Protein backbone atom coordinates (compact mmCIF):
# COMPACT_ATOMS: atom_id res chain seq x y z
CA MET A 1 113.30 112.36 140.82
CA PRO A 2 115.86 114.98 139.80
CA ASP A 3 114.96 118.38 138.38
CA VAL A 4 115.33 118.19 134.61
CA SER A 5 114.27 121.73 133.73
CA HIS A 6 117.77 122.17 132.29
CA PHE A 7 118.05 118.65 130.90
CA SER A 8 119.41 119.77 127.54
CA ARG A 9 119.22 117.97 124.22
CA ARG A 10 123.02 117.64 124.12
CA ARG A 11 123.18 116.18 127.64
CA PHE A 12 120.33 113.77 126.82
CA ILE A 13 122.20 112.48 123.74
CA GLN A 14 125.48 112.22 125.65
CA ASN A 15 123.86 110.25 128.45
CA THR A 16 122.16 107.90 126.00
CA ALA A 17 125.36 107.38 124.13
CA GLY A 18 127.09 106.60 127.41
CA LEU A 19 124.65 103.82 128.10
CA ALA A 20 125.32 102.33 124.70
CA LEU A 21 129.00 102.15 125.58
CA ALA A 22 128.42 100.61 129.00
CA SER A 23 130.65 97.73 129.99
CA PRO A 24 129.91 94.17 128.77
CA CYS A 25 129.26 93.20 132.39
CA LEU A 26 126.39 95.65 132.61
CA ALA A 27 125.02 94.61 129.26
CA SER A 28 124.93 90.96 130.30
CA LEU A 29 122.97 91.47 133.52
CA ALA A 30 119.81 89.41 133.82
CA TYR A 31 116.91 91.41 135.27
CA SER A 32 114.15 89.51 137.04
CA LYS A 33 110.67 90.97 137.21
CA GLU A 34 111.02 91.32 140.98
CA LYS A 35 114.39 93.08 140.89
CA THR A 36 113.35 95.68 138.35
CA MET A 37 110.61 97.33 140.39
CA GLY A 38 112.92 100.27 141.21
CA TYR A 39 115.22 100.17 138.17
CA LEU A 40 113.67 103.18 136.44
CA LYS A 41 113.85 105.46 139.45
CA ASP A 42 116.11 108.39 138.52
CA ARG A 43 116.30 107.01 134.96
CA LEU A 44 112.87 107.88 133.71
CA TYR A 45 111.40 111.38 133.24
CA LYS A 46 107.64 111.96 133.12
CA THR A 47 106.02 114.02 130.41
CA LEU A 48 102.55 114.34 128.84
CA LYS A 49 100.74 115.71 125.84
CA ILE A 50 99.64 119.35 126.05
CA GLY A 51 96.09 118.40 125.06
CA MET A 52 95.71 116.45 128.29
CA VAL A 53 96.05 119.60 130.40
CA LYS A 54 92.44 120.82 130.81
CA VAL A 55 93.36 123.72 133.08
CA GLU A 56 91.88 127.12 132.30
CA GLY A 57 94.21 129.98 131.54
CA SER A 58 97.40 130.73 129.62
CA LEU A 59 99.98 128.25 128.41
CA THR A 60 102.12 129.25 131.42
CA GLU A 61 99.31 128.28 133.78
CA LYS A 62 98.96 124.94 132.02
CA PHE A 63 102.68 124.32 132.28
CA LYS A 64 102.64 125.18 135.99
CA ALA A 65 99.73 122.80 136.59
CA ALA A 66 101.58 119.96 134.86
CA LYS A 67 104.73 120.61 136.87
CA ALA A 68 102.74 120.78 140.13
CA ALA A 69 101.25 117.38 139.29
CA GLY A 70 104.73 115.83 139.15
CA PHE A 71 105.70 116.06 135.46
CA GLN A 72 109.17 117.15 134.36
CA GLY A 73 108.26 117.85 130.74
CA ILE A 74 105.49 118.38 128.24
CA GLU A 75 104.99 117.68 124.52
CA LEU A 76 103.50 120.36 122.27
CA ASP A 77 101.77 120.06 118.90
CA LEU A 78 104.14 121.53 116.33
CA PRO A 79 104.00 123.42 114.11
CA GLY A 80 101.05 125.46 115.27
CA THR A 81 101.93 126.51 118.80
CA ASP A 82 103.05 130.12 119.40
CA LEU A 83 106.76 129.70 120.02
CA GLU A 84 107.25 132.93 121.94
CA GLU A 85 104.36 132.04 124.23
CA ALA A 86 105.89 128.59 124.73
CA LYS A 87 109.30 130.04 125.54
CA ALA A 88 107.72 132.35 128.12
CA ALA A 89 105.85 129.41 129.65
CA ILE A 90 109.09 127.44 129.91
CA ALA A 91 110.87 130.34 131.59
CA GLU A 92 108.05 131.09 134.03
CA SER A 93 107.16 127.53 134.95
CA GLY A 94 110.51 125.75 134.82
CA LEU A 95 108.87 122.96 132.83
CA THR A 96 110.82 121.43 129.94
CA VAL A 97 109.41 121.02 126.44
CA ASP A 98 111.03 117.64 125.82
CA GLY A 99 109.53 117.07 122.41
CA SER A 100 106.57 117.48 120.11
CA VAL A 101 103.87 115.69 118.17
CA CYS A 102 104.03 116.48 114.46
CA ALA A 103 100.91 118.39 113.44
CA LYS A 104 98.42 116.89 110.99
CA HIS A 105 100.47 113.67 110.56
CA TRP A 106 97.32 111.54 110.50
CA ALA A 107 95.65 113.64 107.82
CA ILE A 108 98.66 114.60 105.68
CA ARG A 109 100.70 111.42 105.30
CA HIS A 110 104.11 110.36 104.11
CA THR A 111 102.50 107.21 102.72
CA SER A 112 100.06 109.06 100.46
CA ALA A 113 99.96 108.20 96.77
CA SER A 114 99.87 111.94 96.10
CA ALA A 115 103.27 113.52 95.61
CA ASP A 116 101.82 116.88 96.60
CA GLU A 117 100.52 115.47 99.90
CA ARG A 118 103.88 113.86 100.61
CA ALA A 119 105.61 117.16 99.94
CA GLU A 120 103.25 118.88 102.40
CA ALA A 121 103.92 116.13 104.99
CA LEU A 122 107.67 116.73 104.61
CA LYS A 123 107.16 120.48 105.00
CA LEU A 124 105.24 119.95 108.25
CA LEU A 125 107.84 117.51 109.61
CA SER A 126 110.69 119.86 108.76
CA GLN A 127 108.99 122.78 110.51
CA ALA A 128 108.24 120.59 113.52
CA LEU A 129 111.95 119.74 113.74
CA ARG A 130 112.90 123.43 113.65
CA ASP A 131 110.23 124.46 116.18
CA THR A 132 111.11 121.63 118.55
CA HIS A 133 114.78 122.62 118.39
CA SER A 134 113.92 126.23 119.16
CA LEU A 135 112.17 125.12 122.35
CA GLY A 136 114.94 122.76 123.48
CA GLY A 137 113.18 119.48 122.75
CA ASN A 138 114.83 116.36 121.28
CA THR A 139 112.03 114.35 119.62
CA VAL A 140 109.29 114.81 117.06
CA LEU A 141 106.65 112.07 117.33
CA LEU A 142 105.52 110.95 113.89
CA VAL A 143 102.79 108.68 112.58
CA VAL A 144 104.30 107.83 109.21
CA GLY A 145 101.01 107.11 107.42
CA HIS A 146 98.26 104.55 106.99
CA GLY A 147 97.97 101.10 105.46
CA LYS A 148 95.00 102.16 103.38
CA ASP A 149 97.29 104.27 101.17
CA GLY A 150 98.59 101.21 99.25
CA THR A 151 100.26 97.88 99.58
CA GLU A 152 102.75 97.42 102.40
CA SER A 153 105.70 97.62 100.01
CA GLU A 154 104.33 100.78 98.36
CA ILE A 155 103.75 102.70 101.56
CA TRP A 156 106.99 101.43 103.04
CA GLN A 157 108.98 102.75 100.11
CA ARG A 158 107.07 106.06 99.87
CA SER A 159 107.39 106.90 103.55
CA VAL A 160 111.07 105.93 103.90
CA GLU A 161 111.93 107.95 100.80
CA ASN A 162 109.94 111.01 101.91
CA ILE A 163 110.97 111.05 105.59
CA SER A 164 114.62 110.49 104.63
CA LYS A 165 114.58 113.92 103.02
CA ALA A 166 114.29 115.42 106.51
CA LEU A 167 117.27 113.53 107.91
CA PRO A 168 119.94 116.12 107.10
CA LEU A 169 117.91 118.68 109.05
CA ALA A 170 117.24 116.27 111.92
CA SER A 171 120.96 115.54 112.12
CA GLU A 172 121.91 119.22 111.98
CA LEU A 173 119.48 120.10 114.81
CA GLY A 174 120.00 116.94 116.87
CA ILE A 175 116.34 115.98 116.88
CA HIS A 176 115.08 112.40 116.73
CA ILE A 177 112.21 111.55 114.39
CA ALA A 178 110.30 109.23 116.72
CA VAL A 179 108.01 106.83 114.83
CA GLU A 180 105.03 105.81 116.98
CA ASN A 181 103.48 102.34 116.81
CA VAL A 182 99.81 103.07 116.33
CA TRP A 183 96.63 101.54 114.93
CA ASN A 184 97.44 102.57 111.36
CA HIS A 185 97.34 99.09 109.73
CA PHE A 186 101.06 99.17 108.92
CA LEU A 187 103.85 96.82 110.12
CA TYR A 188 101.41 94.51 111.93
CA ASP A 189 98.16 92.61 111.22
CA HIS A 190 95.25 94.52 112.68
CA GLU A 191 93.11 91.39 112.58
CA GLY A 192 95.89 89.13 113.76
CA ALA A 193 96.48 87.28 117.00
CA ALA A 194 98.24 88.51 120.16
CA ASP A 195 101.53 86.79 119.32
CA GLN A 196 102.84 89.30 116.78
CA THR A 197 106.39 90.60 117.04
CA ALA A 198 108.22 93.89 116.40
CA ASP A 199 110.32 92.38 113.60
CA LYS A 200 108.73 94.43 110.79
CA LEU A 201 109.02 97.64 112.79
CA VAL A 202 112.71 96.90 113.38
CA LYS A 203 113.31 96.39 109.67
CA TYR A 204 111.41 99.57 108.83
CA ILE A 205 113.42 101.71 111.29
CA ASP A 206 116.69 100.15 110.16
CA ASP A 207 115.81 100.92 106.53
CA PHE A 208 116.49 104.60 107.27
CA ASN A 209 120.05 103.75 108.31
CA SER A 210 120.16 106.80 110.56
CA PRO A 211 120.60 107.33 114.32
CA TRP A 212 118.03 110.15 114.02
CA VAL A 213 115.12 107.84 113.30
CA GLY A 214 113.88 105.78 116.22
CA VAL A 215 110.68 104.65 117.91
CA GLN A 216 108.42 106.44 120.35
CA PHE A 217 107.19 103.16 121.70
CA ASP A 218 103.61 103.22 122.91
CA ILE A 219 103.11 100.79 125.78
CA GLY A 220 99.45 99.96 125.36
CA ASN A 221 98.82 100.53 121.67
CA HIS A 222 100.03 97.09 120.67
CA TRP A 223 99.32 94.98 123.77
CA LYS A 224 96.33 93.89 121.68
CA TYR A 225 98.76 92.32 119.19
CA GLY A 226 101.70 91.01 121.19
CA SER A 227 103.93 91.07 124.27
CA MET A 228 104.99 94.62 125.07
CA GLY A 229 108.01 93.36 126.95
CA GLY A 230 108.91 91.30 123.91
CA TRP A 231 108.53 94.30 121.60
CA ILE A 232 110.74 96.41 123.87
CA ARG A 233 113.46 93.74 123.90
CA THR A 234 113.37 93.39 120.11
CA LEU A 235 113.41 97.17 119.47
CA GLY A 236 116.17 97.74 122.03
CA LYS A 237 118.13 100.97 121.53
CA ARG A 238 115.82 101.96 118.67
CA ILE A 239 113.43 103.19 121.39
CA VAL A 240 114.13 106.89 121.92
CA LYS A 241 111.03 107.67 123.96
CA LEU A 242 108.02 105.95 125.52
CA ASP A 243 104.29 106.66 125.29
CA LEU A 244 101.96 104.94 127.68
CA LYS A 245 98.37 104.05 128.35
CA GLY A 246 96.61 101.03 129.70
CA PHE A 247 94.75 98.40 127.66
CA SER A 248 92.44 95.49 128.44
CA ARG A 249 92.54 92.56 126.07
CA LYS A 250 89.50 91.14 127.83
CA GLU A 251 87.43 94.29 127.20
CA ASN A 252 89.29 95.19 123.97
CA SER A 253 89.58 98.80 125.13
CA PHE A 254 92.07 101.35 126.38
CA THR A 255 92.16 102.00 130.13
CA LYS A 256 93.82 104.24 132.66
CA ILE A 257 97.52 103.60 133.20
CA GLY A 258 97.86 100.56 135.43
CA GLU A 259 94.33 99.26 134.80
CA GLY A 260 93.46 96.52 132.32
CA ASP A 261 95.62 93.42 131.91
CA LEU A 262 98.87 94.78 130.42
CA ASP A 263 101.93 93.01 131.95
CA TRP A 264 103.71 95.98 133.52
CA ALA A 265 106.15 93.74 135.41
CA ASP A 266 107.43 92.36 132.11
CA VAL A 267 107.58 95.91 130.70
CA ARG A 268 109.77 97.03 133.60
CA SER A 269 111.99 94.01 133.18
CA ALA A 270 112.38 94.64 129.46
CA LEU A 271 113.21 98.32 130.00
CA ALA A 272 115.86 97.32 132.51
CA GLU A 273 117.32 94.79 130.08
CA ILE A 274 117.75 97.39 127.33
CA GLN A 275 118.98 99.87 129.98
CA TYR A 276 116.40 102.46 129.03
CA THR A 277 116.95 105.99 130.27
CA GLY A 278 114.80 108.88 129.09
CA TRP A 279 111.32 110.28 128.75
CA ALA A 280 107.93 108.57 129.12
CA ALA A 281 104.87 110.44 127.86
CA ALA A 282 101.39 109.82 129.19
CA GLU A 283 98.78 109.64 126.42
CA VAL A 284 95.44 109.17 128.13
CA ASP A 285 92.32 111.20 128.88
CA GLY A 286 93.46 114.29 130.74
CA GLY A 287 91.68 116.73 132.96
CA GLY A 288 92.21 119.32 135.65
CA SER A 289 94.81 119.39 138.41
CA ASP A 290 93.40 116.39 140.29
CA ARG A 291 93.33 114.22 137.20
CA LEU A 292 96.88 115.25 136.25
CA ARG A 293 98.09 114.21 139.72
CA GLU A 294 96.29 110.88 139.32
CA ILE A 295 98.01 110.24 136.00
CA SER A 296 101.38 111.16 137.46
CA ALA A 297 100.78 108.79 140.43
CA ASN A 298 99.71 106.00 138.09
CA MET A 299 102.98 106.39 136.15
CA ASP A 300 104.95 106.27 139.39
CA ARG A 301 103.21 103.04 140.35
CA VAL A 302 103.56 101.08 137.08
CA PHE A 303 107.18 102.14 136.59
CA GLY A 304 108.19 101.58 140.22
CA LEU A 305 109.25 105.22 140.77
CA VAL A 306 108.02 105.31 144.39
């Protein structure tokens, strides 16, 4: 795995754009589950959420522990992190801040019926975009809201209208707003069967009509509802980053990465078919240095990086 401590936002966008312009021959390749075991090697970069790093000490010491465990990047909660401390941690550890998670997005929602709350959600998103840019990242993960805030059409319209107000800033800074598929009762049926598709999520993302809104696709969150390989194929280039965890349909519970019954072979095949290159963020229970190494090794195994 190459060193990506200087893997800049501009270079990331250029490389992604290059893949989109790949020759028709490459685009038409059929990837079998067996042949894709090593596809992601040198194409996928491992990151994790800062809250997973349960190492005592300064932010620099946390960054160093993550890098020692095999991660190339880390996601911070923004706004709310001391930016000067984060810049020092980047410089001293060599670890990249590849992106962020927008602060308070579950509690202060773009789908809210309150105009004041939507204005506050926009303010938080805009600051997260600025802070992420200042640290060299290229994505802000966003939960757009919750189904309890109204009918599907109401919260669809509210959130698209509100988030769209941040698009000029996202474009200026070169930061993707990365919508995560989560258990928020929106764009899927929470009580539905396991044959649901990503069609509604595709329509929602396309409604923004902007290259700066994509999906931070969580492999695990929706295995309960459908084929994750199928969702990846349908979303295609709309996926700007991955999140991952395990899930067991049998036990109806989240698991460690690689445990449970999620079809990782199909996931690898789907990622190869859409020619995915970029970051994958672990989002599981963290811990100290030993646990971080375990998570890193689990990612290597399910993605065929070793």
